Amino acid sequence: IFKGEVVRRQIALGTMKKVAVFGNAGGGKSTLSKRLSQITGLPLHVLDKIQYQSGGIEVSQEDFKHIHEKILVTEHWNLI
């Protein structure tokens, strides 16, 4: 079974619970993640928006880690 087929089956069965999307800049991570969230209903968490405040100010490593851990312990998520 190809990975794409596994994903299609998981979406159809509603069994997809956690997704982490990684890749190079400009590789389509945001587009894929947004579409997966629309299809599956998984909440989308954009790590850049968690790590940086408006104006590009970086949050403390401790604050970022705390927020990130709170997301990871939930039952459903889509991280980019």
Protein backbone atom coordinates (compact mmCIF):
# COMPACT_ATOMS: atom_id res chain seq x y z
CA ILE A 1 0.00 0.00 0.00
CA PHE A 2 1.35 3.41 -0.95
CA LYS A 3 1.50 6.11 1.75
CA GLY A 4 -1.06 8.18 -0.15
CA GLU A 5 -3.50 5.27 -0.09
CA VAL A 6 -3.01 4.84 3.67
CA VAL A 7 -3.75 8.52 4.20
CA ARG A 8 -6.87 8.32 2.00
CA ARG A 9 -8.11 5.32 4.01
CA GLN A 10 -7.45 7.04 7.33
CA ILE A 11 -9.31 10.14 6.17
CA ALA A 12 -12.24 8.05 4.93
CA LEU A 13 -12.41 6.08 8.18
CA GLY A 14 -11.93 9.14 10.38
CA THR A 15 -8.97 7.49 12.11
CA MET A 16 -6.38 10.18 11.40
CA LYS A 17 -5.72 11.90 14.74
CA LYS A 18 -2.25 13.44 14.64
CA VAL A 19 -0.29 14.86 11.73
CA ALA A 20 3.07 16.63 11.68
CA VAL A 21 4.15 18.13 8.37
CA PHE A 22 7.83 18.85 7.72
CA GLY A 23 9.66 20.01 4.62
CA ASN A 24 11.68 22.66 2.86
CA ALA A 25 10.63 26.28 2.49
CA GLY A 26 8.16 26.64 -0.37
CA GLY A 27 7.46 22.90 -0.43
CA GLY A 28 3.70 23.18 0.12
CA LYS A 29 3.55 22.37 3.86
CA SER A 30 1.02 25.09 4.63
CA THR A 31 -1.21 24.19 1.69
CA LEU A 32 -1.17 20.49 2.60
CA SER A 33 -1.76 21.13 6.29
CA LYS A 34 -4.65 23.53 5.70
CA ARG A 35 -6.31 21.08 3.32
CA LEU A 36 -5.85 18.17 5.75
CA SER A 37 -7.44 20.24 8.50
CA GLN A 38 -10.39 21.06 6.25
CA ILE A 39 -10.88 17.40 5.31
CA THR A 40 -10.27 15.80 8.71
CA GLY A 41 -11.39 18.53 11.09
CA LEU A 42 -8.05 18.30 12.91
CA PRO A 43 -7.08 21.60 14.56
CA LEU A 44 -4.20 23.28 12.73
CA HIS A 45 -1.32 24.60 14.86
CA VAL A 46 1.27 26.70 13.02
CA LEU A 47 4.44 26.51 15.08
CA ASP A 48 5.84 29.74 13.60
CA LYS A 49 2.79 31.60 14.93
CA ILE A 50 3.38 30.05 18.35
CA GLN A 51 7.11 30.74 18.36
CA TYR A 52 6.86 34.34 17.14
CA GLN A 53 4.60 37.16 18.31
CA SER A 54 3.35 39.81 15.91
CA GLY A 55 6.24 41.89 14.65
CA GLY A 56 8.52 38.84 14.58
CA ILE A 57 9.38 38.94 18.28
CA GLU A 58 10.37 35.46 19.44
CA VAL A 59 8.69 34.10 22.57
CA SER A 60 10.89 32.61 25.25
CA GLN A 61 12.00 29.01 24.75
CA GLU A 62 10.22 28.10 27.98
CA ASP A 63 6.90 29.60 26.82
CA PHE A 64 7.18 27.95 23.40
CA LYS A 65 7.96 24.57 24.95
CA HIS A 66 5.01 24.87 27.34
CA ILE A 67 2.54 25.70 24.55
CA HIS A 68 3.97 23.00 22.28
CA GLU A 69 3.68 20.35 25.00
CA LYS A 70 0.06 21.37 25.68
CA ILE A 71 -0.73 20.74 22.02
CA LEU A 72 1.07 17.39 21.87
CA VAL A 73 -0.84 15.88 24.80
CA THR A 74 -4.19 16.56 23.14
CA GLU A 75 -5.85 13.74 21.22
CA HIS A 76 -6.06 15.48 17.84
CA TRP A 77 -3.68 17.90 16.12
CA ASN A 78 -2.12 18.96 12.86
CA LEU A 79 1.28 20.64 13.25
CA ILE A 80 3.21 22.56 10.69
